[in-house]
Amino acid sequence: MRNPTKMGLQFAAVLAVSAMALTGCNNAEVTPNSSSGSATFDPSTVAKDDALIAMLPGALKDKATLDVGSDTSYEPAEFLAADGQTPIGYDVDLAKAIGAVLGKKVDVHTSEFSTILPSLGSKYDLGISSFTINPERSKAVNFVSYFNAGVLWAVQKGNPKGISLDDLCGKKVGVQTGTVEEDPDVSDRSKACVAAGKPAIEVISLKNQTDVTTRLVSGSIDAMSADSPIIKNALQKTGDSLETLGDVYDAAQQGIAIAKDDTVFAGVIEKVLNKLMADGVYTQILKDWNNDEGAITKAVLNPTASN
């Protein structure tokens, strides 16, 4: 799955203004989530591990900074603070914790979601952006599992359009480009509509999840689908504007991505994550962002991918 731009206080302002601009009459109050919007994790509290540092491949052992690619439009996993520049979120904090264990600074680069995996090994050392581990992606990169999330849907509060997951044919559905919500989930649902002689789903695929959420609040789309933590966060951010549709399904592990030929580095990241889990740092980071329900007990290098 994977996987709103510039959320926090900035998201609230953009969402409210955009919704009014699109509808001219939307008066929904948008209340920022008090549990997010500022970076609270201090990587200096995490001790470096010389034994793990010694396991790093030569090129990375001498590198002072880990470069991380992340689509910072996906609150609360990775998004931009109110200044519009500083990446924050539980994925960002986990990246910093990994860097601390390896005695390195971490530079999280805001990147378009679909460009991160192809840039591993050349531009980025790690891809940390709520990547669902699936067979197609697993052919291209190494993954170390670190989080569990499912697919969840949202509609306008009260479901005024009577949207049903059992019949989305002809409806406008918003998804973020490159997510498993877009393909295969919604695309397969649309194909089933056509095969049944019904209108295809009108898929509104946008680069930023924020824009999808804004359109749903304004009523210019009928429903949206995203990872469960993102939908739950959007509901908090938009006050009484949205509600969930149905339950979470297709729960799957998400992974930190490493270039396919960097198998040694991938093995080190697996060990680092398991150390952070054993030390309690991992769980505390997720708790700080109210997402510990997605915690897993063991990080695994290249686990079996979900179909």
C-alpha atoms as a PDB file:
ATOM      1  CA  MET A   1       0.000   0.000   0.000  1.00  0.00           C
ATOM      2  CA  ARG A   2       1.813   2.837   0.860  1.00  0.00           C
ATOM      3  CA  ASN A   3       1.190   4.577   0.637  1.00  0.00           C
ATOM      4  CA  PRO A   4      -1.494  14.172   2.795  1.00  0.00           C
ATOM      5  CA  THR A   5       1.731  17.044   0.989  1.00  0.00           C
ATOM      6  CA  LYS A   6       2.778  19.138   4.020  1.00  0.00           C
ATOM      7  CA  MET A   7       0.360  18.105   6.683  1.00  0.00           C
ATOM      8  CA  GLY A   8       0.327  19.144  10.333  1.00  0.00           C
ATOM      9  CA  LEU A   9      -0.811  22.736  10.717  1.00  0.00           C
ATOM     10  CA  GLN A  10       0.012  23.385   7.091  1.00  0.00           C
ATOM     11  CA  PHE A  11      -2.258  20.530   6.026  1.00  0.00           C
ATOM     12  CA  ALA A  12      -5.119  22.031   7.997  1.00  0.00           C
ATOM     13  CA  ALA A  13      -4.786  25.373   6.247  1.00  0.00           C
ATOM     14  CA  VAL A  14      -4.400  23.907   2.769  1.00  0.00           C
ATOM     15  CA  LEU A  15      -7.270  21.493   3.245  1.00  0.00           C
ATOM     16  CA  ALA A  16      -9.678  24.124   4.512  1.00  0.00           C
ATOM     17  CA  VAL A  17      -8.813  26.625   1.787  1.00  0.00           C
ATOM     18  CA  SER A  18      -8.829  24.043  -0.982  1.00  0.00           C
ATOM     19  CA  ALA A  19     -12.146  22.605   0.103  1.00  0.00           C
ATOM     20  CA  MET A  20     -13.808  26.023   0.154  1.00  0.00           C
ATOM     21  CA  ALA A  21     -12.311  26.901  -3.187  1.00  0.00           C
ATOM     22  CA  LEU A  22     -13.675  23.744  -4.739  1.00  0.00           C
ATOM     23  CA  THR A  23     -17.106  23.803  -3.182  1.00  0.00           C
ATOM     24  CA  GLY A  24     -17.676  27.383  -2.087  1.00  0.00           C
ATOM     25  CA  CYS A  25     -19.683  26.135   0.868  1.00  0.00           C
ATOM     26  CA  ASN A  26     -17.668  23.642   2.877  1.00  0.00           C
ATOM     27  CA  ASN A  27     -17.511  24.835   6.462  1.00  0.00           C
ATOM     28  CA  ALA A  28     -15.872  21.786   8.036  1.00  0.00           C
ATOM     29  CA  GLU A  29     -13.594  22.702  10.896  1.00  0.00           C
ATOM     30  CA  VAL A  30     -10.186  21.143  10.546  1.00  0.00           C
ATOM     31  CA  THR A  31      -8.416  20.470  13.822  1.00  0.00           C
ATOM     32  CA  PRO A  32      -4.736  19.508  13.727  1.00  0.00           C
ATOM     33  CA  ASN A  33      -3.872  16.252  15.428  1.00  0.00           C
ATOM     34  CA  SER A  34      -2.246  17.136  18.728  1.00  0.00           C
ATOM     35  CA  SER A  35      -0.220  13.938  18.628  1.00  0.00           C
ATOM     36  CA  SER A  36       1.678  14.928  15.503  1.00  0.00           C
ATOM     37  CA  GLY A  37       3.166  17.966  13.894  1.00  0.00           C
ATOM     38  CA  SER A  38       6.489  18.263  15.687  1.00  0.00           C
ATOM     39  CA  ALA A  39       9.636  16.203  15.815  1.00  0.00           C
ATOM     40  CA  THR A  40      10.180  14.906  19.336  1.00  0.00           C
ATOM     41  CA  PHE A  41      12.625  12.037  18.819  1.00  0.00           C
ATOM     42  CA  ASP A  42      16.210  12.743  19.843  1.00  0.00           C
ATOM     43  CA  PRO A  43      18.631  10.405  18.003  1.00  0.00           C
ATOM     44  CA  SER A  44      21.395  11.290  20.470  1.00  0.00           C
ATOM     45  CA  THR A  45      19.582   9.103  23.012  1.00  0.00           C
ATOM     46  CA  VAL A  46      20.409   6.029  20.916  1.00  0.00           C
ATOM     47  CA  ALA A  47      23.890   4.593  21.373  1.00  0.00           C
ATOM     48  CA  LYS A  48      25.933   3.599  18.355  1.00  0.00           C
ATOM     49  CA  ASP A  49      26.881  -0.047  17.985  1.00  0.00           C
ATOM     50  CA  ASP A  50      30.499  -0.555  16.922  1.00  0.00           C
ATOM     51  CA  ALA A  51      29.927  -4.204  16.088  1.00  0.00           C
ATOM     52  CA  LEU A  52      27.171  -3.357  13.608  1.00  0.00           C
ATOM     53  CA  ILE A  53      29.184  -0.475  12.187  1.00  0.00           C
ATOM     54  CA  ALA A  54      32.014  -2.921  11.514  1.00  0.00           C
ATOM     55  CA  MET A  55      29.648  -5.038   9.410  1.00  0.00           C
ATOM     56  CA  LEU A  56      28.908  -2.212   6.977  1.00  0.00           C
ATOM     57  CA  PRO A  57      30.284  -2.537   3.444  1.00  0.00           C
ATOM     58  CA  GLY A  58      33.300  -0.322   2.811  1.00  0.00           C
ATOM     59  CA  ALA A  59      31.585   2.453   0.867  1.00  0.00           C
ATOM     60  CA  LEU A  60      28.985   2.926   3.574  1.00  0.00           C
ATOM     61  CA  LYS A  61      31.357   2.446   6.485  1.00  0.00           C
ATOM     62  CA  ASP A  62      33.222   5.600   5.473  1.00  0.00           C
ATOM     63  CA  LYS A  63      30.075   7.581   4.604  1.00  0.00           C
ATOM     64  CA  ALA A  64      29.149  10.197   7.241  1.00  0.00           C
ATOM     65  CA  THR A  65      25.490  10.509   6.239  1.00  0.00           C
ATOM     66  CA  LEU A  66      22.791   8.045   5.246  1.00  0.00           C
ATOM     67  CA  ASP A  67      20.657   9.429   2.428  1.00  0.00           C
ATOM     68  CA  VAL A  68      17.030   8.350   2.700  1.00  0.00           C
ATOM     69  CA  GLY A  69      14.385   8.761   0.001  1.00  0.00           C
ATOM     70  CA  SER A  70      10.866   9.405   1.326  1.00  0.00           C
ATOM     71  CA  ASP A  71       7.621  10.774  -0.101  1.00  0.00           C
ATOM     72  CA  THR A  72       6.899  13.241   2.690  1.00  0.00           C
ATOM     73  CA  SER A  73       3.187  13.533   1.958  1.00  0.00           C
ATOM     74  CA  TYR A  74       1.971  10.609   4.001  1.00  0.00           C
ATOM     75  CA  GLU A  75       1.143  11.689   7.556  1.00  0.00           C
ATOM     76  CA  PRO A  76       1.780  10.325  10.120  1.00  0.00           C
ATOM     77  CA  ALA A  77       4.454   8.083   8.579  1.00  0.00           C
ATOM     78  CA  GLU A  78       6.404  10.762   6.738  1.00  0.00           C
ATOM     79  CA  PHE A  79       5.357  14.348   6.123  1.00  0.00           C
ATOM     80  CA  LEU A  80       6.606  17.912   6.366  1.00  0.00           C
ATOM     81  CA  ALA A  81       6.395  20.009   9.517  1.00  0.00           C
ATOM     82  CA  ALA A  82       4.617  23.355   9.600  1.00  0.00           C
ATOM     83  CA  ASP A  83       7.720  25.022   8.146  1.00  0.00           C
ATOM     84  CA  GLY A  84       7.101  23.109   4.912  1.00  0.00           C
ATOM     85  CA  GLN A  85      10.675  21.835   4.853  1.00  0.00           C
ATOM     86  CA  THR A  86      11.445  19.563   7.789  1.00  0.00           C
ATOM     87  CA  PRO A  87      10.542  15.865   7.363  1.00  0.00           C
ATOM     88  CA  ILE A  88       8.885  14.340  10.432  1.00  0.00           C
ATOM     89  CA  GLY A  89       6.839  11.231  11.245  1.00  0.00           C
ATOM     90  CA  TYR A  90       7.450   7.770  12.593  1.00  0.00           C
ATOM     91  CA  ASP A  91       9.322   6.639   9.489  1.00  0.00           C
ATOM     92  CA  VAL A  92      11.599   9.671   9.765  1.00  0.00           C
ATOM     93  CA  ASP A  93      12.268   8.956  13.436  1.00  0.00           C
ATOM     94  CA  LEU A  94      13.043   5.327  12.645  1.00  0.00           C
ATOM     95  CA  ALA A  95      15.485   6.482   9.962  1.00  0.00           C
ATOM     96  CA  LYS A  96      17.213   8.702  12.529  1.00  0.00           C
ATOM     97  CA  ALA A  97      17.372   5.840  15.012  1.00  0.00           C
ATOM     98  CA  ILE A  98      18.961   3.574  12.396  1.00  0.00           C
ATOM     99  CA  GLY A  99      21.520   6.272  11.655  1.00  0.00           C
ATOM    100  CA  ALA A 100      22.286   6.686  15.360  1.00  0.00           C
ATOM    101  CA  VAL A 101      23.010   2.974  15.803  1.00  0.00           C
ATOM    102  CA  LEU A 102      25.370   3.151  12.822  1.00  0.00           C
ATOM    103  CA  GLY A 103      27.016   6.352  14.051  1.00  0.00           C
ATOM    104  CA  LYS A 104      25.761   8.403  11.119  1.00  0.00           C
ATOM    105  CA  LYS A 105      23.685  11.465  10.452  1.00  0.00           C
ATOM    106  CA  VAL A 106      20.525  10.942   8.419  1.00  0.00           C
ATOM    107  CA  ASP A 107      19.357  13.154   5.574  1.00  0.00           C
ATOM    108  CA  VAL A 108      15.731  12.458   4.594  1.00  0.00           C
ATOM    109  CA  HIS A 109      15.130  13.693   1.051  1.00  0.00           C
ATOM    110  CA  THR A 110      11.600  14.559  -0.060  1.00  0.00           C
ATOM    111  CA  SER A 111      11.047  12.464  -3.164  1.00  0.00           C
ATOM    112  CA  GLU A 112       8.225  11.497  -5.480  1.00  0.00           C
ATOM    113  CA  PHE A 113       7.035   8.085  -4.347  1.00  0.00           C
ATOM    114  CA  SER A 114       7.436   6.309  -7.672  1.00  0.00           C
ATOM    115  CA  THR A 115      11.065   7.482  -8.072  1.00  0.00           C
ATOM    116  CA  ILE A 116      12.477   6.208  -4.772  1.00  0.00           C
ATOM    117  CA  LEU A 117      13.032   2.519  -5.490  1.00  0.00           C
ATOM    118  CA  PRO A 118      14.749   3.099  -8.867  1.00  0.00           C
ATOM    119  CA  SER A 119      17.105   5.570  -7.131  1.00  0.00           C
ATOM    120  CA  LEU A 120      18.375   3.185  -4.454  1.00  0.00           C
ATOM    121  CA  GLY A 121      22.096   2.585  -4.571  1.00  0.00           C
ATOM    122  CA  SER A 122      22.751   5.647  -6.704  1.00  0.00           C
ATOM    123  CA  LYS A 123      20.911   8.542  -5.038  1.00  0.00           C
ATOM    124  CA  TYR A 124      19.609   7.005  -1.822  1.00  0.00           C
ATOM    125  CA  ASP A 125      21.033   4.472   0.610  1.00  0.00           C
ATOM    126  CA  LEU A 126      17.596   3.616   1.983  1.00  0.00           C
ATOM    127  CA  GLY A 127      13.988   4.014   0.906  1.00  0.00           C
ATOM    128  CA  ILE A 128      11.717   4.540   3.916  1.00  0.00           C
ATOM    129  CA  SER A 129       8.261   5.517   2.692  1.00  0.00           C
ATOM    130  CA  SER A 130       5.619   3.016   3.843  1.00  0.00           C
ATOM    131  CA  PHE A 131       6.432   0.568   1.058  1.00  0.00           C
ATOM    132  CA  THR A 132       4.207  -2.485   1.128  1.00  0.00           C
ATOM    133  CA  ILE A 133       6.307  -5.563   0.488  1.00  0.00           C
ATOM    134  CA  ASN A 134       4.852  -7.189  -2.614  1.00  0.00           C
ATOM    135  CA  PRO A 135       6.267  -9.601  -5.219  1.00  0.00           C
ATOM    136  CA  GLU A 136       6.842  -6.973  -7.915  1.00  0.00           C
ATOM    137  CA  ARG A 137       8.807  -4.642  -5.647  1.00  0.00           C
ATOM    138  CA  SER A 138      10.674  -7.532  -4.068  1.00  0.00           C
ATOM    139  CA  LYS A 139      12.095  -8.466  -7.454  1.00  0.00           C
ATOM    140  CA  ALA A 140      13.686  -5.023  -7.726  1.00  0.00           C
ATOM    141  CA  VAL A 141      14.960  -4.301  -4.206  1.00  0.00           C
ATOM    142  CA  ASN A 142      15.743  -5.835  -0.835  1.00  0.00           C
ATOM    143  CA  PHE A 143      13.206  -5.225   1.910  1.00  0.00           C
ATOM    144  CA  VAL A 144      13.531  -5.370   5.689  1.00  0.00           C
ATOM    145  CA  SER A 145      10.102  -5.622   7.314  1.00  0.00           C
ATOM    146  CA  TYR A 146       9.296  -3.113  10.063  1.00  0.00           C
ATOM    147  CA  PHE A 147       5.568  -2.303  10.158  1.00  0.00           C
ATOM    148  CA  ASN A 148       2.166  -3.816   9.458  1.00  0.00           C
ATOM    149  CA  ALA A 149      -0.718  -1.941   7.806  1.00  0.00           C
ATOM    150  CA  GLY A 150      -3.873  -2.714   5.865  1.00  0.00           C
ATOM    151  CA  VAL A 151      -6.082  -1.014   3.299  1.00  0.00           C
ATOM    152  CA  LEU A 152      -8.854   1.269   4.531  1.00  0.00           C
ATOM    153  CA  TRP A 153     -11.418   3.444   2.745  1.00  0.00           C
ATOM    154  CA  ALA A 154     -13.006   6.784   3.594  1.00  0.00           C
ATOM    155  CA  VAL A 155     -16.029   8.739   2.378  1.00  0.00           C
ATOM    156  CA  GLN A 156     -17.639  12.009   3.376  1.00  0.00           C
ATOM    157  CA  LYS A 157     -19.247  12.045   6.825  1.00  0.00           C
ATOM    158  CA  GLY A 158     -22.620  10.322   6.764  1.00  0.00           C
ATOM    159  CA  ASN A 159     -21.809   8.768   3.387  1.00  0.00           C
ATOM    160  CA  PRO A 160     -24.214  11.157   1.590  1.00  0.00           C
ATOM    161  CA  LYS A 161     -23.577   9.522  -1.779  1.00  0.00           C
ATOM    162  CA  GLY A 162     -24.378   6.048  -0.488  1.00  0.00           C
ATOM    163  CA  ILE A 163     -21.023   4.580  -1.522  1.00  0.00           C
ATOM    164  CA  SER A 164     -20.599   0.826  -1.065  1.00  0.00           C
ATOM    165  CA  LEU A 165     -17.411  -1.198  -1.401  1.00  0.00           C
ATOM    166  CA  ASP A 166     -19.538  -3.863  -3.070  1.00  0.00           C
ATOM    167  CA  ASP A 167     -20.382  -1.573  -5.980  1.00  0.00           C
ATOM    168  CA  LEU A 168     -17.870   1.129  -6.879  1.00  0.00           C
ATOM    169  CA  CYS A 169     -18.567   0.887 -10.610  1.00  0.00           C
ATOM    170  CA  GLY A 170     -18.789   4.321 -12.191  1.00  0.00           C
ATOM    171  CA  LYS A 171     -17.672   6.042  -8.979  1.00  0.00           C
ATOM    172  CA  LYS A 172     -14.771   8.477  -8.606  1.00  0.00           C
ATOM    173  CA  VAL A 173     -12.145   6.912  -6.348  1.00  0.00           C
ATOM    174  CA  GLY A 174      -9.034   8.761  -5.196  1.00  0.00           C
ATOM    175  CA  VAL A 175      -5.693   7.034  -4.601  1.00  0.00           C
ATOM    176  CA  GLN A 176      -2.063   8.048  -4.423  1.00  0.00           C
ATOM    177  CA  THR A 177      -0.063   7.240  -7.531  1.00  0.00           C
ATOM    178  CA  GLY A 178       2.107   4.149  -7.262  1.00  0.00           C
ATOM    179  CA  THR A 179       0.356   2.585  -4.285  1.00  0.00           C
ATOM    180  CA  VAL A 180      -1.102  -0.891  -4.104  1.00  0.00           C
ATOM    181  CA  GLU A 181      -4.432   0.797  -3.482  1.00  0.00           C
ATOM    182  CA  GLU A 182      -4.172   2.121  -7.035  1.00  0.00           C
ATOM    183  CA  ASP A 183      -2.873  -1.134  -8.496  1.00  0.00           C
ATOM    184  CA  PRO A 184      -3.854  -3.881  -8.012  1.00  0.00           C
ATOM    185  CA  ASP A 185      -6.771  -3.155  -5.637  1.00  0.00           C
ATOM    186  CA  VAL A 186      -8.805  -0.412  -7.332  1.00  0.00           C
ATOM    187  CA  SER A 187      -7.635  -1.353 -10.826  1.00  0.00           C
ATOM    188  CA  ASP A 188      -8.818  -4.948 -10.288  1.00  0.00           C
ATOM    189  CA  ARG A 189     -12.156  -3.727  -8.939  1.00  0.00           C
ATOM    190  CA  SER A 190     -12.531  -1.583 -12.055  1.00  0.00           C
ATOM    191  CA  LYS A 191     -11.728  -4.504 -14.360  1.00  0.00           C
ATOM    192  CA  ALA A 192     -14.402  -6.548 -12.594  1.00  0.00           C
ATOM    193  CA  CYS A 193     -16.908  -3.757 -13.239  1.00  0.00           C
ATOM    194  CA  VAL A 194     -16.140  -3.765 -16.952  1.00  0.00           C
ATOM    195  CA  ALA A 195     -16.291  -7.567 -17.115  1.00  0.00           C
ATOM    196  CA  ALA A 196     -19.759  -7.402 -15.556  1.00  0.00           C
ATOM    197  CA  GLY A 197     -20.902  -4.893 -18.175  1.00  0.00           C
ATOM    198  CA  LYS A 198     -20.844  -1.976 -15.750  1.00  0.00           C
ATOM    199  CA  PRO A 199     -19.011   1.358 -15.991  1.00  0.00           C
ATOM    200  CA  ALA A 200     -15.350   1.318 -14.982  1.00  0.00           C
ATOM    201  CA  ILE A 201     -14.287   3.031 -11.789  1.00  0.00           C
ATOM    202  CA  GLU A 202     -13.014   6.533 -12.486  1.00  0.00           C
ATOM    203  CA  VAL A 203      -9.658   6.339 -10.774  1.00  0.00           C
ATOM    204  CA  ILE A 204      -8.324   9.718  -9.643  1.00  0.00           C
ATOM    205  CA  SER A 205      -4.619   9.048  -9.171  1.00  0.00           C
ATOM    206  CA  LEU A 206      -2.680  11.914  -7.589  1.00  0.00           C
ATOM    207  CA  LYS A 207       0.979  12.222  -6.616  1.00  0.00           C
ATOM    208  CA  ASN A 208       0.215  13.452  -3.091  1.00  0.00           C
ATOM    209  CA  GLN A 209      -2.162  11.816  -0.622  1.00  0.00           C
ATOM    210  CA  THR A 210      -2.995  15.279   0.749  1.00  0.00           C
ATOM    211  CA  ASP A 211      -4.579  16.220  -2.554  1.00  0.00           C
ATOM    212  CA  VAL A 212      -6.669  13.045  -2.551  1.00  0.00           C
ATOM    213  CA  THR A 213      -7.943  13.859   0.935  1.00  0.00           C
ATOM    214  CA  THR A 214      -8.716  17.452  -0.041  1.00  0.00           C
ATOM    215  CA  ARG A 215     -10.796  16.297  -2.982  1.00  0.00           C
ATOM    216  CA  LEU A 216     -12.784  13.911  -0.837  1.00  0.00           C
ATOM    217  CA  VAL A 217     -13.566  16.624   1.711  1.00  0.00           C
ATOM    218  CA  SER A 218     -14.705  18.905  -1.123  1.00  0.00           C
ATOM    219  CA  GLY A 219     -16.885  16.174  -2.646  1.00  0.00           C
ATOM    220  CA  SER A 220     -15.162  16.145  -6.035  1.00  0.00           C
ATOM    221  CA  ILE A 221     -14.440  12.428  -5.576  1.00  0.00           C
ATOM    222  CA  ASP A 222     -16.716   9.803  -4.018  1.00  0.00           C
ATOM    223  CA  ALA A 223     -14.248   7.813  -1.916  1.00  0.00           C
ATOM    224  CA  MET A 224     -10.563   7.332  -1.247  1.00  0.00           C
ATOM    225  CA  SER A 225      -8.392   4.383  -0.333  1.00  0.00           C
ATOM    226  CA  ALA A 226      -5.040   4.394   1.475  1.00  0.00           C
ATOM    227  CA  ASP A 227      -3.058   2.628   4.184  1.00  0.00           C
ATOM    228  CA  SER A 228      -4.991   2.301   7.436  1.00  0.00           C
ATOM    229  CA  PRO A 229      -2.746   4.666   9.503  1.00  0.00           C
ATOM    230  CA  ILE A 230      -3.086   7.367   6.844  1.00  0.00           C
ATOM    231  CA  ILE A 231      -6.892   7.106   6.664  1.00  0.00           C
ATOM    232  CA  LYS A 232      -7.216   7.205  10.460  1.00  0.00           C
ATOM    233  CA  ASN A 233      -4.953  10.241  10.618  1.00  0.00           C
ATOM    234  CA  ALA A 234      -6.929  11.995   7.860  1.00  0.00           C
ATOM    235  CA  LEU A 235     -10.126  11.475   9.850  1.00  0.00           C
ATOM    236  CA  GLN A 236      -8.534  13.191  12.848  1.00  0.00           C
ATOM    237  CA  LYS A 237      -7.194  16.029  10.732  1.00  0.00           C
ATOM    238  CA  THR A 238     -10.482  16.799   9.014  1.00  0.00           C
ATOM    239  CA  GLY A 239     -12.723  16.909  12.074  1.00  0.00           C
ATOM    240  CA  ASP A 240     -16.217  15.715  11.210  1.00  0.00           C
ATOM    241  CA  SER A 241     -15.707  15.803   7.434  1.00  0.00           C
ATOM    242  CA  LEU A 242     -14.900  12.134   6.779  1.00  0.00           C
ATOM    243  CA  GLU A 243     -15.646   8.634   8.037  1.00  0.00           C
ATOM    244  CA  THR A 244     -14.338   5.187   7.276  1.00  0.00           C
ATOM    245  CA  LEU A 245     -16.042   2.869   4.812  1.00  0.00           C
ATOM    246  CA  GLY A 246     -15.856  -0.795   5.765  1.00  0.00           C
ATOM    247  CA  ASP A 247     -13.056  -2.387   7.751  1.00  0.00           C
ATOM    248  CA  VAL A 248      -9.299  -2.736   7.312  1.00  0.00           C
ATOM    249  CA  TYR A 249      -8.377  -5.561   4.943  1.00  0.00           C
ATOM    250  CA  ASP A 250      -5.340  -7.031   3.200  1.00  0.00           C
ATOM    251  CA  ALA A 251      -3.023  -6.353   6.125  1.00  0.00           C
ATOM    252  CA  ALA A 252       0.557  -6.634   4.928  1.00  0.00           C
ATOM    253  CA  GLN A 253       4.064  -5.871   6.063  1.00  0.00           C
ATOM    254  CA  GLN A 254       5.840  -2.712   5.014  1.00  0.00           C
ATOM    255  CA  GLY A 255       9.564  -2.624   4.477  1.00  0.00           C
ATOM    256  CA  ILE A 256      12.632  -0.453   4.393  1.00  0.00           C
ATOM    257  CA  ALA A 257      14.062  -0.719   0.897  1.00  0.00           C
ATOM    258  CA  ILE A 258      17.719  -1.256  -0.011  1.00  0.00           C
ATOM    259  CA  ALA A 259      19.262  -1.666  -3.465  1.00  0.00           C
ATOM    260  CA  LYS A 260      19.092  -5.248  -4.732  1.00  0.00           C
ATOM    261  CA  ASP A 261      22.852  -5.650  -4.956  1.00  0.00           C
ATOM    262  CA  ASP A 262      23.459  -4.209  -1.464  1.00  0.00           C
ATOM    263  CA  THR A 263      22.764  -7.501   0.304  1.00  0.00           C
ATOM    264  CA  VAL A 264      25.386  -6.947   3.000  1.00  0.00           C
ATOM    265  CA  PHE A 265      23.946  -3.540   3.875  1.00  0.00           C
ATOM    266  CA  ALA A 266      20.436  -5.019   3.868  1.00  0.00           C
ATOM    267  CA  GLY A 267      21.575  -7.623   6.387  1.00  0.00           C
ATOM    268  CA  VAL A 268      22.986  -4.905   8.627  1.00  0.00           C
ATOM    269  CA  ILE A 269      19.694  -2.962   8.499  1.00  0.00           C
ATOM    270  CA  GLU A 270      17.846  -6.125   9.559  1.00  0.00           C
ATOM    271  CA  LYS A 271      20.137  -6.426  12.592  1.00  0.00           C
ATOM    272  CA  VAL A 272      19.813  -2.712  13.422  1.00  0.00           C
ATOM    273  CA  LEU A 273      16.025  -2.851  13.386  1.00  0.00           C
ATOM    274  CA  ASN A 274      15.945  -5.915  15.597  1.00  0.00           C
ATOM    275  CA  LYS A 275      18.286  -4.157  18.038  1.00  0.00           C
ATOM    276  CA  LEU A 276      15.947  -1.128  18.103  1.00  0.00           C
ATOM    277  CA  MET A 277      13.026  -3.472  18.725  1.00  0.00           C
ATOM    278  CA  ALA A 278      14.838  -5.265  21.562  1.00  0.00           C
ATOM    279  CA  ASP A 279      15.899  -1.951  23.141  1.00  0.00           C
ATOM    280  CA  GLY A 280      12.342  -0.577  23.050  1.00  0.00           C
ATOM    281  CA  VAL A 281      13.294   2.391  20.865  1.00  0.00           C
ATOM    282  CA  TYR A 282      11.228   1.116  17.936  1.00  0.00           C
ATOM    283  CA  THR A 283       8.043   0.661  19.967  1.00  0.00           C
ATOM    284  CA  GLN A 284       8.438   4.027  21.698  1.00  0.00           C
ATOM    285  CA  ILE A 285       8.735   5.828  18.358  1.00  0.00           C
ATOM    286  CA  LEU A 286       5.519   4.241  17.123  1.00  0.00           C
ATOM    287  CA  LYS A 287       3.767   5.034  20.418  1.00  0.00           C
ATOM    288  CA  ASP A 288       4.850   8.665  20.149  1.00  0.00           C
ATOM    289  CA  TRP A 289       2.991   8.821  16.830  1.00  0.00           C
ATOM    290  CA  ASN A 290      -0.004   6.785  18.073  1.00  0.00           C
ATOM    291  CA  ASN A 291       0.736   3.950  15.672  1.00  0.00           C
ATOM    292  CA  ASP A 292       2.101   1.165  17.840  1.00  0.00           C
ATOM    293  CA  GLU A 293      -0.802  -1.043  16.734  1.00  0.00           C
ATOM    294  CA  GLY A 294       1.213  -1.521  13.534  1.00  0.00           C
ATOM    295  CA  ALA A 295       4.300  -2.737  15.388  1.00  0.00           C
ATOM    296  CA  ILE A 296       5.838  -6.110  14.532  1.00  0.00           C
ATOM    297  CA  THR A 297       7.992  -8.228  16.839  1.00  0.00           C
ATOM    298  CA  LYS A 298      10.815  -9.135  14.450  1.00  0.00           C
ATOM    299  CA  ALA A 299      12.359  -7.487  11.426  1.00  0.00           C
ATOM    300  CA  VAL A 300      13.019  -9.932   8.589  1.00  0.00           C
ATOM    301  CA  LEU A 301      15.145  -9.492   5.480  1.00  0.00           C
ATOM    302  CA  ASN A 302      13.133 -10.261   2.349  1.00  0.00           C
ATOM    303  CA  PRO A 303      10.098 -11.898   4.006  1.00  0.00           C
ATOM    304  CA  THR A 304       7.496 -13.625   1.869  1.00  0.00           C
ATOM    305  CA  ALA A 305       5.769 -10.888  -0.109  1.00  0.00           C
ATOM    306  CA  SER A 306       2.010 -10.376  -0.108  1.00  0.00           C
ATOM    307  CA  ASN A 307       0.298 -10.897  -3.449  1.00  0.00           C
END
